[in-house]
Amino acid sequence: MSCHEIEALRLGLMNSLGIGDDATRRHARDELGDDPEPHIAALADAESLAACRRHLDTALVELEAEIAEADPEAPDYDYLRGRLVAVRDAENALERLLSHGDAFLDDLGESHHTLHEAFPVDE
């Protein structure tokens, strides 16, 4: 079994942030296989942090449904629950990244405002 949600999120973040090398991308795509589930494919192809958030939320709903339908006595049940913990942790990290991005944008706005206060533009 593989944690498709995490690999798909890695790909979506690499797309969104414009980072990552070809070997890392190939490895993540290999983990997902040739025909990933639609919500996993959408997460892997996300091109913005907002899209990553949206598709990760869908992936979490799907994973929770899979766990709800799983037999607690099945050998992979604990792994499924562990996957949920890992994906929720990734969700929290993504929220922190988005929050820091929002704060950075606010800071840039304040810097711009301060610059114009210090050096008024005559029109």
PDB file of N, CA and C in Angstrom:
ATOM      1  N   MET A   1       0.829  -1.189   0.000  1.00  0.00           N
ATOM      2  CA  MET A   1       0.000   0.000   0.000  1.00  0.00           C
ATOM      3  C   MET A   1       0.868   1.246   0.000  1.00  0.00           C
ATOM      4  N   SER A   2       0.276   2.261  -0.497  1.00  0.00           N
ATOM      5  CA  SER A   2       1.028   3.495  -0.626  1.00  0.00           C
ATOM      6  C   SER A   2       0.146   4.659  -0.206  1.00  0.00           C
ATOM      7  N   CYS A   3       0.767   5.693   0.256  1.00  0.00           N
ATOM      8  CA  CYS A   3       0.039   6.873   0.706  1.00  0.00           C
ATOM      9  C   CYS A   3      -0.104   7.846  -0.467  1.00  0.00           C
ATOM     10  N   HIS A   4      -1.068   7.568  -1.314  1.00  0.00           N
ATOM     11  CA  HIS A   4      -1.257   8.369  -2.520  1.00  0.00           C
ATOM     12  C   HIS A   4      -1.547   9.831  -2.218  1.00  0.00           C
ATOM     13  N   GLU A   5      -2.250  10.088  -1.132  1.00  0.00           N
ATOM     14  CA  GLU A   5      -2.589  11.472  -0.795  1.00  0.00           C
ATOM     15  C   GLU A   5      -1.324  12.314  -0.590  1.00  0.00           C
ATOM     16  N   ILE A   6      -0.354  11.749   0.115  1.00  0.00           N
ATOM     17  CA  ILE A   6       0.880  12.490   0.404  1.00  0.00           C
ATOM     18  C   ILE A   6       1.683  12.722  -0.879  1.00  0.00           C
ATOM     19  N   GLU A   7       1.819  11.682  -1.702  1.00  0.00           N
ATOM     20  CA  GLU A   7       2.570  11.837  -2.950  1.00  0.00           C
ATOM     21  C   GLU A   7       1.869  12.817  -3.885  1.00  0.00           C
ATOM     22  N   ALA A   8       0.551  12.761  -3.949  1.00  0.00           N
ATOM     23  CA  ALA A   8      -0.188  13.698  -4.798  1.00  0.00           C
ATOM     24  C   ALA A   8      -0.035  15.127  -4.283  1.00  0.00           C
ATOM     25  N   LEU A   9      -0.073  15.300  -2.969  1.00  0.00           N
ATOM     26  CA  LEU A   9       0.120  16.636  -2.400  1.00  0.00           C
ATOM     27  C   LEU A   9       1.522  17.145  -2.709  1.00  0.00           C
ATOM     28  N   ARG A  10       2.511  16.281  -2.612  1.00  0.00           N
ATOM     29  CA  ARG A  10       3.874  16.697  -2.956  1.00  0.00           C
ATOM     30  C   ARG A  10       3.931  17.213  -4.390  1.00  0.00           C
ATOM     31  N   LEU A  11       3.306  16.491  -5.313  1.00  0.00           N
ATOM     32  CA  LEU A  11       3.290  16.934  -6.706  1.00  0.00           C
ATOM     33  C   LEU A  11       2.555  18.261  -6.864  1.00  0.00           C
ATOM     34  N   GLY A  12       1.401  18.382  -6.218  1.00  0.00           N
ATOM     35  CA  GLY A  12       0.646  19.633  -6.298  1.00  0.00           C
ATOM     36  C   GLY A  12       1.433  20.814  -5.743  1.00  0.00           C
ATOM     37  N   LEU A  13       2.147  20.575  -4.646  1.00  0.00           N
ATOM     38  CA  LEU A  13       2.960  21.649  -4.066  1.00  0.00           C
ATOM     39  C   LEU A  13       4.141  21.993  -4.967  1.00  0.00           C
ATOM     40  N   MET A  14       4.757  20.978  -5.571  1.00  0.00           N
ATOM     41  CA  MET A  14       5.852  21.265  -6.505  1.00  0.00           C
ATOM     42  C   MET A  14       5.344  22.115  -7.662  1.00  0.00           C
ATOM     43  N   ASN A  15       4.154  21.808  -8.176  1.00  0.00           N
ATOM     44  CA  ASN A  15       3.557  22.609  -9.244  1.00  0.00           C
ATOM     45  C   ASN A  15       3.297  24.034  -8.763  1.00  0.00           C
ATOM     46  N   SER A  16       2.675  24.153  -7.616  1.00  0.00           N
ATOM     47  CA  SER A  16       2.258  25.448  -7.084  1.00  0.00           C
ATOM     48  C   SER A  16       3.435  26.348  -6.754  1.00  0.00           C
ATOM     49  N   LEU A  17       4.475  25.747  -6.193  1.00  0.00           N
ATOM     50  CA  LEU A  17       5.625  26.529  -5.746  1.00  0.00           C
ATOM     51  C   LEU A  17       6.723  26.631  -6.797  1.00  0.00           C
ATOM     52  N   GLY A  18       6.582  25.863  -7.864  1.00  0.00           N
ATOM     53  CA  GLY A  18       7.580  25.903  -8.923  1.00  0.00           C
ATOM     54  C   GLY A  18       8.916  25.312  -8.521  1.00  0.00           C
ATOM     55  N   ILE A  19       8.874  24.298  -7.671  1.00  0.00           N
ATOM     56  CA  ILE A  19      10.111  23.659  -7.227  1.00  0.00           C
ATOM     57  C   ILE A  19      10.027  22.153  -7.425  1.00  0.00           C
ATOM     58  N   GLY A  20      11.136  21.502  -7.272  1.00  0.00           N
ATOM     59  CA  GLY A  20      11.189  20.051  -7.408  1.00  0.00           C
ATOM     60  C   GLY A  20      11.942  19.670  -8.662  1.00  0.00           C
ATOM     61  N   ASP A  21      12.565  18.522  -8.599  1.00  0.00           N
ATOM     62  CA  ASP A  21      13.326  18.065  -9.760  1.00  0.00           C
ATOM     63  C   ASP A  21      12.589  16.925 -10.445  1.00  0.00           C
ATOM     64  N   ASP A  22      13.042  16.603 -11.650  1.00  0.00           N
ATOM     65  CA  ASP A  22      12.371  15.584 -12.452  1.00  0.00           C
ATOM     66  C   ASP A  22      12.379  14.216 -11.780  1.00  0.00           C
ATOM     67  N   ALA A  23      13.471  13.875 -11.107  1.00  0.00           N
ATOM     68  CA  ALA A  23      13.552  12.563 -10.451  1.00  0.00           C
ATOM     69  C   ALA A  23      12.509  12.454  -9.344  1.00  0.00           C
ATOM     70  N   THR A  24      12.329  13.507  -8.582  1.00  0.00           N
ATOM     71  CA  THR A  24      11.330  13.507  -7.509  1.00  0.00           C
ATOM     72  C   THR A  24       9.931  13.400  -8.092  1.00  0.00           C
ATOM     73  N   ARG A  25       9.679  14.121  -9.162  1.00  0.00           N
ATOM     74  CA  ARG A  25       8.369  14.060  -9.818  1.00  0.00           C
ATOM     75  C   ARG A  25       8.095  12.663 -10.371  1.00  0.00           C
ATOM     76  N   ARG A  26       9.096  12.081 -11.028  1.00  0.00           N
ATOM     77  CA  ARG A  26       8.925  10.731 -11.586  1.00  0.00           C
ATOM     78  C   ARG A  26       8.638   9.724 -10.476  1.00  0.00           C
ATOM     79  N   HIS A  27       9.373   9.828  -9.374  1.00  0.00           N
ATOM     80  CA  HIS A  27       9.161   8.910  -8.257  1.00  0.00           C
ATOM     81  C   HIS A  27       7.731   9.035  -7.725  1.00  0.00           C
ATOM     82  N   ALA A  28       7.266  10.257  -7.534  1.00  0.00           N
ATOM     83  CA  ALA A  28       5.911  10.475  -7.023  1.00  0.00           C
ATOM     84  C   ALA A  28       4.878   9.945  -8.016  1.00  0.00           C
ATOM     85  N   ARG A  29       5.073  10.202  -9.306  1.00  0.00           N
ATOM     86  CA  ARG A  29       4.133   9.701 -10.328  1.00  0.00           C
ATOM     87  C   ARG A  29       4.134   8.175 -10.353  1.00  0.00           C
ATOM     88  N   ASP A  30       5.312   7.563 -10.188  1.00  0.00           N
ATOM     89  CA  ASP A  30       5.389   6.094 -10.133  1.00  0.00           C
ATOM     90  C   ASP A  30       4.608   5.553  -8.946  1.00  0.00           C
ATOM     91  N   GLU A  31       4.672   6.248  -7.818  1.00  0.00           N
ATOM     92  CA  GLU A  31       3.923   5.832  -6.622  1.00  0.00           C
ATOM     93  C   GLU A  31       2.416   5.870  -6.881  1.00  0.00           C
ATOM     94  N   LEU A  32       1.975   6.853  -7.655  1.00  0.00           N
ATOM     95  CA  LEU A  32       0.544   7.000  -7.922  1.00  0.00           C
ATOM     96  C   LEU A  32       0.034   5.986  -8.941  1.00  0.00           C
ATOM     97  N   GLY A  33       0.912   5.500  -9.786  1.00  0.00           N
ATOM     98  CA  GLY A  33       0.501   4.536 -10.802  1.00  0.00           C
ATOM     99  C   GLY A  33      -0.067   5.224 -12.030  1.00  0.00           C
ATOM    100  N   ASP A  34      -0.470   4.395 -12.983  1.00  0.00           N
ATOM    101  CA  ASP A  34      -0.945   4.917 -14.274  1.00  0.00           C
ATOM    102  C   ASP A  34      -2.355   5.484 -14.239  1.00  0.00           C
ATOM    103  N   ASP A  35      -3.178   5.042 -13.300  1.00  0.00           N
ATOM    104  CA  ASP A  35      -4.575   5.462 -13.277  1.00  0.00           C
ATOM    105  C   ASP A  35      -5.019   5.788 -11.850  1.00  0.00           C
ATOM    106  N   PRO A  36      -4.495   6.888 -11.270  1.00  0.00           N
ATOM    107  CA  PRO A  36      -4.902   7.224  -9.903  1.00  0.00           C
ATOM    108  C   PRO A  36      -6.379   7.618  -9.849  1.00  0.00           C
ATOM    109  N   GLU A  37      -6.957   7.513  -8.682  1.00  0.00           N
ATOM    110  CA  GLU A  37      -8.341   7.938  -8.497  1.00  0.00           C
ATOM    111  C   GLU A  37      -8.458   9.421  -8.877  1.00  0.00           C
ATOM    112  N   PRO A  38      -9.631   9.841  -9.355  1.00  0.00           N
ATOM    113  CA  PRO A  38      -9.778  11.220  -9.852  1.00  0.00           C
ATOM    114  C   PRO A  38      -9.372  12.296  -8.843  1.00  0.00           C
ATOM    115  N   HIS A  39      -9.744  12.123  -7.573  1.00  0.00           N
ATOM    116  CA  HIS A  39      -9.394  13.157  -6.589  1.00  0.00           C
ATOM    117  C   HIS A  39      -7.885  13.191  -6.330  1.00  0.00           C
ATOM    118  N   ILE A  40      -7.220  12.056  -6.451  1.00  0.00           N
ATOM    119  CA  ILE A  40      -5.763  11.999  -6.283  1.00  0.00           C
ATOM    120  C   ILE A  40      -5.084  12.638  -7.497  1.00  0.00           C
ATOM    121  N   ALA A  41      -5.577  12.340  -8.696  1.00  0.00           N
ATOM    122  CA  ALA A  41      -5.026  12.940  -9.917  1.00  0.00           C
ATOM    123  C   ALA A  41      -5.182  14.459  -9.889  1.00  0.00           C
ATOM    124  N   ALA A  42      -6.336  14.929  -9.430  1.00  0.00           N
ATOM    125  CA  ALA A  42      -6.574  16.372  -9.363  1.00  0.00           C
ATOM    126  C   ALA A  42      -5.622  17.030  -8.368  1.00  0.00           C
ATOM    127  N   LEU A  43      -5.379  16.386  -7.242  1.00  0.00           N
ATOM    128  CA  LEU A  43      -4.447  16.921  -6.251  1.00  0.00           C
ATOM    129  C   LEU A  43      -3.037  16.963  -6.834  1.00  0.00           C
ATOM    130  N   ALA A  44      -2.632  15.916  -7.510  1.00  0.00           N
ATOM    131  CA  ALA A  44      -1.293  15.859  -8.101  1.00  0.00           C
ATOM    132  C   ALA A  44      -1.099  16.929  -9.177  1.00  0.00           C
ATOM    133  N   ASP A  45      -2.171  17.302  -9.858  1.00  0.00           N
ATOM    134  CA  ASP A  45      -2.092  18.282 -10.942  1.00  0.00           C
ATOM    135  C   ASP A  45      -2.417  19.703 -10.500  1.00  0.00           C
ATOM    136  N   ALA A  46      -2.679  19.906  -9.218  1.00  0.00           N
ATOM    137  CA  ALA A  46      -3.033  21.235  -8.711  1.00  0.00           C
ATOM    138  C   ALA A  46      -1.938  22.240  -9.051  1.00  0.00           C
ATOM    139  N   GLU A  47      -2.361  23.433  -9.402  1.00  0.00           N
ATOM    140  CA  GLU A  47      -1.405  24.465  -9.790  1.00  0.00           C
ATOM    141  C   GLU A  47      -1.417  25.679  -8.872  1.00  0.00           C
ATOM    142  N   SER A  48      -2.161  25.584  -7.769  1.00  0.00           N
ATOM    143  CA  SER A  48      -2.160  26.667  -6.783  1.00  0.00           C
ATOM    144  C   SER A  48      -2.315  26.047  -5.398  1.00  0.00           C
ATOM    145  N   LEU A  49      -1.935  26.805  -4.401  1.00  0.00           N
ATOM    146  CA  LEU A  49      -2.091  26.316  -3.032  1.00  0.00           C
ATOM    147  C   LEU A  49      -3.566  26.155  -2.681  1.00  0.00           C
ATOM    148  N   ALA A  50      -4.401  27.050  -3.188  1.00  0.00           N
ATOM    149  CA  ALA A  50      -5.843  26.932  -2.946  1.00  0.00           C
ATOM    150  C   ALA A  50      -6.386  25.648  -3.555  1.00  0.00           C
ATOM    151  N   ALA A  51      -5.922  25.304  -4.750  1.00  0.00           N
ATOM    152  CA  ALA A  51      -6.359  24.053  -5.380  1.00  0.00           C
ATOM    153  C   ALA A  51      -5.847  22.859  -4.597  1.00  0.00           C
ATOM    154  N   CYS A  52      -4.627  22.938  -4.083  1.00  0.00           N
ATOM    155  CA  CYS A  52      -4.107  21.856  -3.233  1.00  0.00           C
ATOM    156  C   CYS A  52      -5.013  21.661  -2.023  1.00  0.00           C
ATOM    157  N   ARG A  53      -5.396  22.759  -1.393  1.00  0.00           N
ATOM    158  CA  ARG A  53      -6.270  22.677  -0.216  1.00  0.00           C
ATOM    159  C   ARG A  53      -7.600  22.017  -0.575  1.00  0.00           C
ATOM    160  N   ARG A  54      -8.190  22.465  -1.658  1.00  0.00           N
ATOM    161  CA  ARG A  54      -9.496  21.956  -2.080  1.00  0.00           C
ATOM    162  C   ARG A  54      -9.433  20.455  -2.391  1.00  0.00           C
ATOM    163  N   HIS A  55      -8.437  20.048  -3.160  1.00  0.00           N
ATOM    164  CA  HIS A  55      -8.330  18.642  -3.550  1.00  0.00           C
ATOM    165  C   HIS A  55      -7.886  17.756  -2.383  1.00  0.00           C
ATOM    166  N   LEU A  56      -7.074  18.302  -1.488  1.00  0.00           N
ATOM    167  CA  LEU A  56      -6.689  17.526  -0.308  1.00  0.00           C
ATOM    168  C   LEU A  56      -7.896  17.296   0.580  1.00  0.00           C
ATOM    169  N   ASP A  57      -8.770  18.273   0.677  1.00  0.00           N
ATOM    170  CA  ASP A  57      -9.992  18.112   1.464  1.00  0.00           C
ATOM    171  C   ASP A  57     -10.832  16.971   0.895  1.00  0.00           C
ATOM    172  N   THR A  58     -10.965  16.924  -0.412  1.00  0.00           N
ATOM    173  CA  THR A  58     -11.705  15.832  -1.063  1.00  0.00           C
ATOM    174  C   THR A  58     -11.026  14.493  -0.802  1.00  0.00           C
ATOM    175  N   ALA A  59      -9.699  14.466  -0.893  1.00  0.00           N
ATOM    176  CA  ALA A  59      -8.959  13.233  -0.637  1.00  0.00           C
ATOM    177  C   ALA A  59      -9.170  12.753   0.797  1.00  0.00           C
ATOM    178  N   LEU A  60      -9.239  13.679   1.741  1.00  0.00           N
ATOM    179  CA  LEU A  60      -9.490  13.315   3.139  1.00  0.00           C
ATOM    180  C   LEU A  60     -10.884  12.718   3.314  1.00  0.00           C
ATOM    181  N   VAL A  61     -11.861  13.303   2.670  1.00  0.00           N
ATOM    182  CA  VAL A  61     -13.229  12.773   2.748  1.00  0.00           C
ATOM    183  C   VAL A  61     -13.256  11.346   2.207  1.00  0.00           C
ATOM    184  N   GLU A  62     -12.586  11.128   1.072  1.00  0.00           N
ATOM    185  CA  GLU A  62     -12.534   9.793   0.468  1.00  0.00           C
ATOM    186  C   GLU A  62     -11.807   8.801   1.383  1.00  0.00           C
ATOM    187  N   LEU A  63     -10.713   9.229   1.982  1.00  0.00           N
ATOM    188  CA  LEU A  63      -9.968   8.349   2.883  1.00  0.00           C
ATOM    189  C   LEU A  63     -10.792   8.008   4.125  1.00  0.00           C
ATOM    190  N   GLU A  64     -11.494   8.990   4.674  1.00  0.00           N
ATOM    191  CA  GLU A  64     -12.358   8.732   5.830  1.00  0.00           C
ATOM    192  C   GLU A  64     -13.464   7.747   5.474  1.00  0.00           C
ATOM    193  N   ALA A  65     -14.022   7.868   4.283  1.00  0.00           N
ATOM    194  CA  ALA A  65     -15.059   6.936   3.840  1.00  0.00           C
ATOM    195  C   ALA A  65     -14.485   5.529   3.695  1.00  0.00           C
ATOM    196  N   GLU A  66     -13.275   5.438   3.161  1.00  0.00           N
ATOM    197  CA  GLU A  66     -12.616   4.135   3.017  1.00  0.00           C
ATOM    198  C   GLU A  66     -12.395   3.491   4.385  1.00  0.00           C
ATOM    199  N   ILE A  67     -12.001   4.274   5.359  1.00  0.00           N
ATOM    200  CA  ILE A  67     -11.782   3.751   6.711  1.00  0.00           C
ATOM    201  C   ILE A  67     -13.106   3.329   7.334  1.00  0.00           C
ATOM    202  N   ALA A  68     -14.155   4.129   7.121  1.00  0.00           N
ATOM    203  CA  ALA A  68     -15.466   3.803   7.696  1.00  0.00           C
ATOM    204  C   ALA A  68     -15.997   2.476   7.153  1.00  0.00           C
ATOM    205  N   GLU A  69     -15.679   2.166   5.907  1.00  0.00           N
ATOM    206  CA  GLU A  69     -16.151   0.922   5.289  1.00  0.00           C
ATOM    207  C   GLU A  69     -15.229  -0.266   5.559  1.00  0.00           C
ATOM    208  N   ALA A  70     -14.037   0.000   6.065  1.00  0.00           N
ATOM    209  CA  ALA A  70     -13.047  -1.061   6.256  1.00  0.00           C
ATOM    210  C   ALA A  70     -13.380  -1.921   7.478  1.00  0.00           C
ATOM    211  N   ASP A  71     -12.972  -3.142   7.424  1.00  0.00           N
ATOM    212  CA  ASP A  71     -13.114  -4.074   8.544  1.00  0.00           C
ATOM    213  C   ASP A  71     -12.001  -3.793   9.549  1.00  0.00           C
ATOM    214  N   PRO A  72     -12.359  -3.438  10.789  1.00  0.00           N
ATOM    215  CA  PRO A  72     -11.334  -3.149  11.797  1.00  0.00           C
ATOM    216  C   PRO A  72     -10.395  -4.331  12.072  1.00  0.00           C
ATOM    217  N   GLU A  73     -10.798  -5.518  11.682  1.00  0.00           N
ATOM    218  CA  GLU A  73      -9.954  -6.694  11.886  1.00  0.00           C
ATOM    219  C   GLU A  73      -9.042  -6.972  10.689  1.00  0.00           C
ATOM    220  N   ALA A  74      -9.210  -6.218   9.613  1.00  0.00           N
ATOM    221  CA  ALA A  74      -8.401  -6.427   8.409  1.00  0.00           C
ATOM    222  C   ALA A  74      -6.945  -6.064   8.695  1.00  0.00           C
ATOM    223  N   PRO A  75      -6.012  -6.758   8.060  1.00  0.00           N
ATOM    224  CA  PRO A  75      -4.595  -6.502   8.314  1.00  0.00           C
ATOM    225  C   PRO A  75      -4.145  -5.080   7.975  1.00  0.00           C
ATOM    226  N   ASP A  76      -4.818  -4.425   7.033  1.00  0.00           N
ATOM    227  CA  ASP A  76      -4.397  -3.088   6.633  1.00  0.00           C
ATOM    228  C   ASP A  76      -5.169  -1.962   7.340  1.00  0.00           C
ATOM    229  N   TYR A  77      -6.023  -2.312   8.282  1.00  0.00           N
ATOM    230  CA  TYR A  77      -6.844  -1.304   8.953  1.00  0.00           C
ATOM    231  C   TYR A  77      -5.993  -0.283   9.709  1.00  0.00           C
ATOM    232  N   ASP A  78      -5.025  -0.751  10.448  1.00  0.00           N
ATOM    233  CA  ASP A  78      -4.171   0.178  11.205  1.00  0.00           C
ATOM    234  C   ASP A  78      -3.389   1.090  10.267  1.00  0.00           C
ATOM    235  N   TYR A  79      -2.954   0.541   9.135  1.00  0.00           N
ATOM    236  CA  TYR A  79      -2.260   1.358   8.151  1.00  0.00           C
ATOM    237  C   TYR A  79      -3.187   2.455   7.621  1.00  0.00           C
ATOM    238  N   LEU A  80      -4.441   2.106   7.329  1.00  0.00           N
ATOM    239  CA  LEU A  80      -5.398   3.107   6.855  1.00  0.00           C
ATOM    240  C   LEU A  80      -5.555   4.239   7.868  1.00  0.00           C
ATOM    241  N   ARG A  81      -5.675   3.867   9.124  1.00  0.00           N
ATOM    242  CA  ARG A  81      -5.814   4.888  10.171  1.00  0.00           C
ATOM    243  C   ARG A  81      -4.540   5.722  10.297  1.00  0.00           C
ATOM    244  N   GLY A  82      -3.390   5.083  10.144  1.00  0.00           N
ATOM    245  CA  GLY A  82      -2.126   5.812  10.161  1.00  0.00           C
ATOM    246  C   GLY A  82      -2.029   6.789   9.000  1.00  0.00           C
ATOM    247  N   ARG A  83      -2.516   6.355   7.839  1.00  0.00           N
ATOM    248  CA  ARG A  83      -2.560   7.235   6.671  1.00  0.00           C
ATOM    249  C   ARG A  83      -3.396   8.475   6.963  1.00  0.00           C
ATOM    250  N   LEU A  84      -4.519   8.255   7.644  1.00  0.00           N
ATOM    251  CA  LEU A  84      -5.383   9.388   7.973  1.00  0.00           C
ATOM    252  C   LEU A  84      -4.636  10.383   8.861  1.00  0.00           C
ATOM    253  N   VAL A  85      -3.911   9.892   9.833  1.00  0.00           N
ATOM    254  CA  VAL A  85      -3.135  10.773  10.715  1.00  0.00           C
ATOM    255  C   VAL A  85      -2.103  11.552   9.899  1.00  0.00           C
ATOM    256  N   ALA A  86      -1.394  10.865   9.011  1.00  0.00           N
ATOM    257  CA  ALA A  86      -0.370  11.519   8.195  1.00  0.00           C
ATOM    258  C   ALA A  86      -0.975  12.567   7.273  1.00  0.00           C
ATOM    259  N   VAL A  87      -2.108  12.264   6.674  1.00  0.00           N
ATOM    260  CA  VAL A  87      -2.733  13.199   5.745  1.00  0.00           C
ATOM    261  C   VAL A  87      -3.309  14.392   6.507  1.00  0.00           C
ATOM    262  N   ARG A  88      -3.864  14.172   7.675  1.00  0.00           N
ATOM    263  CA  ARG A  88      -4.352  15.300   8.495  1.00  0.00           C
ATOM    264  C   ARG A  88      -3.190  16.199   8.915  1.00  0.00           C
ATOM    265  N   ASP A  89      -2.054  15.584   9.229  1.00  0.00           N
ATOM    266  CA  ASP A  89      -0.862  16.358   9.568  1.00  0.00           C
ATOM    267  C   ASP A  89      -0.433  17.203   8.368  1.00  0.00           C
ATOM    268  N   ALA A  90      -0.470  16.618   7.184  1.00  0.00           N
ATOM    269  CA  ALA A  90      -0.138  17.358   5.967  1.00  0.00           C
ATOM    270  C   ALA A  90      -1.134  18.490   5.739  1.00  0.00           C
ATOM    271  N   GLU A  91      -2.400  18.228   6.028  1.00  0.00           N
ATOM    272  CA  GLU A  91      -3.428  19.268   5.894  1.00  0.00           C
ATOM    273  C   GLU A  91      -3.107  20.443   6.814  1.00  0.00           C
ATOM    274  N   ASN A  92      -2.718  20.156   8.041  1.00  0.00           N
ATOM    275  CA  ASN A  92      -2.361  21.222   8.989  1.00  0.00           C
ATOM    276  C   ASN A  92      -1.139  22.002   8.511  1.00  0.00           C
ATOM    277  N   ALA A  93      -0.152  21.305   7.962  1.00  0.00           N
ATOM    278  CA  ALA A  93       1.040  21.977   7.439  1.00  0.00           C
ATOM    279  C   ALA A  93       0.680  22.870   6.255  1.00  0.00           C
ATOM    280  N   LEU A  94      -0.207  22.393   5.387  1.00  0.00           N
ATOM    281  CA  LEU A  94      -0.648  23.201   4.247  1.00  0.00           C
ATOM    282  C   LEU A  94      -1.381  24.447   4.732  1.00  0.00           C
ATOM    283  N   GLU A  95      -2.196  24.308   5.755  1.00  0.00           N
ATOM    284  CA  GLU A  95      -2.902  25.474   6.308  1.00  0.00           C
ATOM    285  C   GLU A  95      -1.913  26.495   6.868  1.00  0.00           C
ATOM    286  N   ARG A  96      -0.848  26.011   7.515  1.00  0.00           N
ATOM    287  CA  ARG A  96       0.177  26.939   8.019  1.00  0.00           C
ATOM    288  C   ARG A  96       0.851  27.664   6.864  1.00  0.00           C
ATOM    289  N   LEU A  97       1.156  26.936   5.790  1.00  0.00           N
ATOM    290  CA  LEU A  97       1.776  27.543   4.618  1.00  0.00           C
ATOM    291  C   LEU A  97       0.866  28.612   4.030  1.00  0.00           C
ATOM    292  N   LEU A  98      -0.409  28.320   3.912  1.00  0.00           N
ATOM    293  CA  LEU A  98      -1.360  29.299   3.390  1.00  0.00           C
ATOM    294  C   LEU A  98      -1.471  30.510   4.307  1.00  0.00           C
ATOM    295  N   SER A  99      -1.474  30.261   5.604  1.00  0.00           N
ATOM    296  CA  SER A  99      -1.554  31.352   6.572  1.00  0.00           C
ATOM    297  C   SER A  99      -0.317  32.251   6.489  1.00  0.00           C
ATOM    298  N   HIS A 100       0.855  31.641   6.369  1.00  0.00           N
ATOM    299  CA  HIS A 100       2.085  32.426   6.231  1.00  0.00           C
ATOM    300  C   HIS A 100       2.066  33.226   4.924  1.00  0.00           C
ATOM    301  N   GLY A 101       1.545  32.631   3.870  1.00  0.00           N
ATOM    302  CA  GLY A 101       1.439  33.347   2.596  1.00  0.00           C
ATOM    303  C   GLY A 101       0.527  34.552   2.710  1.00  0.00           C
ATOM    304  N   ASP A 102      -0.607  34.378   3.393  1.00  0.00           N
ATOM    305  CA  ASP A 102      -1.531  35.495   3.606  1.00  0.00           C
ATOM    306  C   ASP A 102      -0.860  36.606   4.412  1.00  0.00           C
ATOM    307  N   ALA A 103      -0.130  36.215   5.460  1.00  0.00           N
ATOM    308  CA  ALA A 103       0.561  37.199   6.296  1.00  0.00           C
ATOM    309  C   ALA A 103       1.627  37.936   5.485  1.00  0.00           C
ATOM    310  N   PHE A 104       2.331  37.200   4.624  1.00  0.00           N
ATOM    311  CA  PHE A 104       3.353  37.818   3.784  1.00  0.00           C
ATOM    312  C   PHE A 104       2.727  38.851   2.847  1.00  0.00           C
ATOM    313  N   LEU A 105       1.582  38.514   2.251  1.00  0.00           N
ATOM    314  CA  LEU A 105       0.890  39.475   1.388  1.00  0.00           C
ATOM    315  C   LEU A 105       0.467  40.715   2.164  1.00  0.00           C
ATOM    316  N   ASP A 106      -0.039  40.509   3.373  1.00  0.00           N
ATOM    317  CA  ASP A 106      -0.409  41.657   4.216  1.00  0.00           C
ATOM    318  C   ASP A 106       0.805  42.527   4.518  1.00  0.00           C
ATOM    319  N   ASP A 107       1.931  41.891   4.827  1.00  0.00           N
ATOM    320  CA  ASP A 107       3.163  42.634   5.110  1.00  0.00           C
ATOM    321  C   ASP A 107       3.608  43.458   3.902  1.00  0.00           C
ATOM    322  N   LEU A 108       3.496  42.866   2.713  1.00  0.00           N
ATOM    323  CA  LEU A 108       3.863  43.608   1.504  1.00  0.00           C
ATOM    324  C   LEU A 108       2.955  44.820   1.316  1.00  0.00           C
ATOM    325  N   GLY A 109       1.674  44.664   1.597  1.00  0.00           N
ATOM    326  CA  GLY A 109       0.747  45.794   1.510  1.00  0.00           C
ATOM    327  C   GLY A 109       1.117  46.899   2.487  1.00  0.00           C
ATOM    328  N   GLU A 110       1.475  46.518   3.706  1.00  0.00           N
ATOM    329  CA  GLU A 110       1.893  47.500   4.714  1.00  0.00           C
ATOM    330  C   GLU A 110       3.180  48.203   4.282  1.00  0.00           C
ATOM    331  N   SER A 111       4.117  47.442   3.727  1.00  0.00           N
ATOM    332  CA  SER A 111       5.383  48.033   3.255  1.00  0.00           C
ATOM    333  C   SER A 111       5.114  49.045   2.152  1.00  0.00           C
ATOM    334  N   HIS A 112       4.213  48.690   1.247  1.00  0.00           N
ATOM    335  CA  HIS A 112       3.865  49.586   0.152  1.00  0.00           C
ATOM    336  C   HIS A 112       3.241  50.868   0.693  1.00  0.00           C
ATOM    337  N   HIS A 113       2.332  50.718   1.635  1.00  0.00           N
ATOM    338  CA  HIS A 113       1.667  51.869   2.245  1.00  0.00           C
ATOM    339  C   HIS A 113       2.690  52.753   2.968  1.00  0.00           C
ATOM    340  N   THR A 114       3.584  52.160   3.734  1.00  0.00           N
ATOM    341  CA  THR A 114       4.605  52.906   4.472  1.00  0.00           C
ATOM    342  C   THR A 114       5.532  53.647   3.519  1.00  0.00           C
ATOM    343  N   LEU A 115       5.898  53.008   2.429  1.00  0.00           N
ATOM    344  CA  LEU A 115       6.764  53.647   1.436  1.00  0.00           C
ATOM    345  C   LEU A 115       6.106  54.894   0.874  1.00  0.00           C
ATOM    346  N   HIS A 116       4.797  54.811   0.573  1.00  0.00           N
ATOM    347  CA  HIS A 116       4.096  55.979   0.037  1.00  0.00           C
ATOM    348  C   HIS A 116       3.905  57.058   1.096  1.00  0.00           C
ATOM    349  N   GLU A 117       3.806  56.678   2.362  1.00  0.00           N
ATOM    350  CA  GLU A 117       3.734  57.688   3.424  1.00  0.00           C
ATOM    351  C   GLU A 117       5.058  58.433   3.543  1.00  0.00           C
ATOM    352  N   ALA A 118       6.147  57.675   3.453  1.00  0.00           N
ATOM    353  CA  ALA A 118       7.466  58.285   3.586  1.00  0.00           C
ATOM    354  C   ALA A 118       7.857  59.107   2.377  1.00  0.00           C
ATOM    355  N   PHE A 119       7.422  58.658   1.214  1.00  0.00           N
ATOM    356  CA  PHE A 119       7.782  59.329  -0.043  1.00  0.00           C
ATOM    357  C   PHE A 119       6.511  59.535  -0.865  1.00  0.00           C
ATOM    358  N   PRO A 120       5.740  60.571  -0.519  1.00  0.00           N
ATOM    359  CA  PRO A 120       4.490  60.820  -1.243  1.00  0.00           C
ATOM    360  C   PRO A 120       4.746  61.069  -2.734  1.00  0.00           C
ATOM    361  N   VAL A 121       3.825  60.612  -3.509  1.00  0.00           N
ATOM    362  CA  VAL A 121       3.914  60.790  -4.951  1.00  0.00           C
ATOM    363  C   VAL A 121       3.060  61.989  -5.325  1.00  0.00           C
ATOM    364  N   ASP A 122       3.694  62.960  -5.992  1.00  0.00           N
ATOM    365  CA  ASP A 122       2.949  64.133  -6.472  1.00  0.00           C
ATOM    366  C   ASP A 122       2.342  63.798  -7.817  1.00  0.00           C
ATOM    367  N   GLU A 123       1.053  64.053  -7.924  1.00  0.00           N
ATOM    368  CA  GLU A 123       0.381  63.784  -9.206  1.00  0.00           C
ATOM    369  C   GLU A 123      -0.123  65.034  -9.823  1.00  0.00           C
TER     370      GLU A 123
END
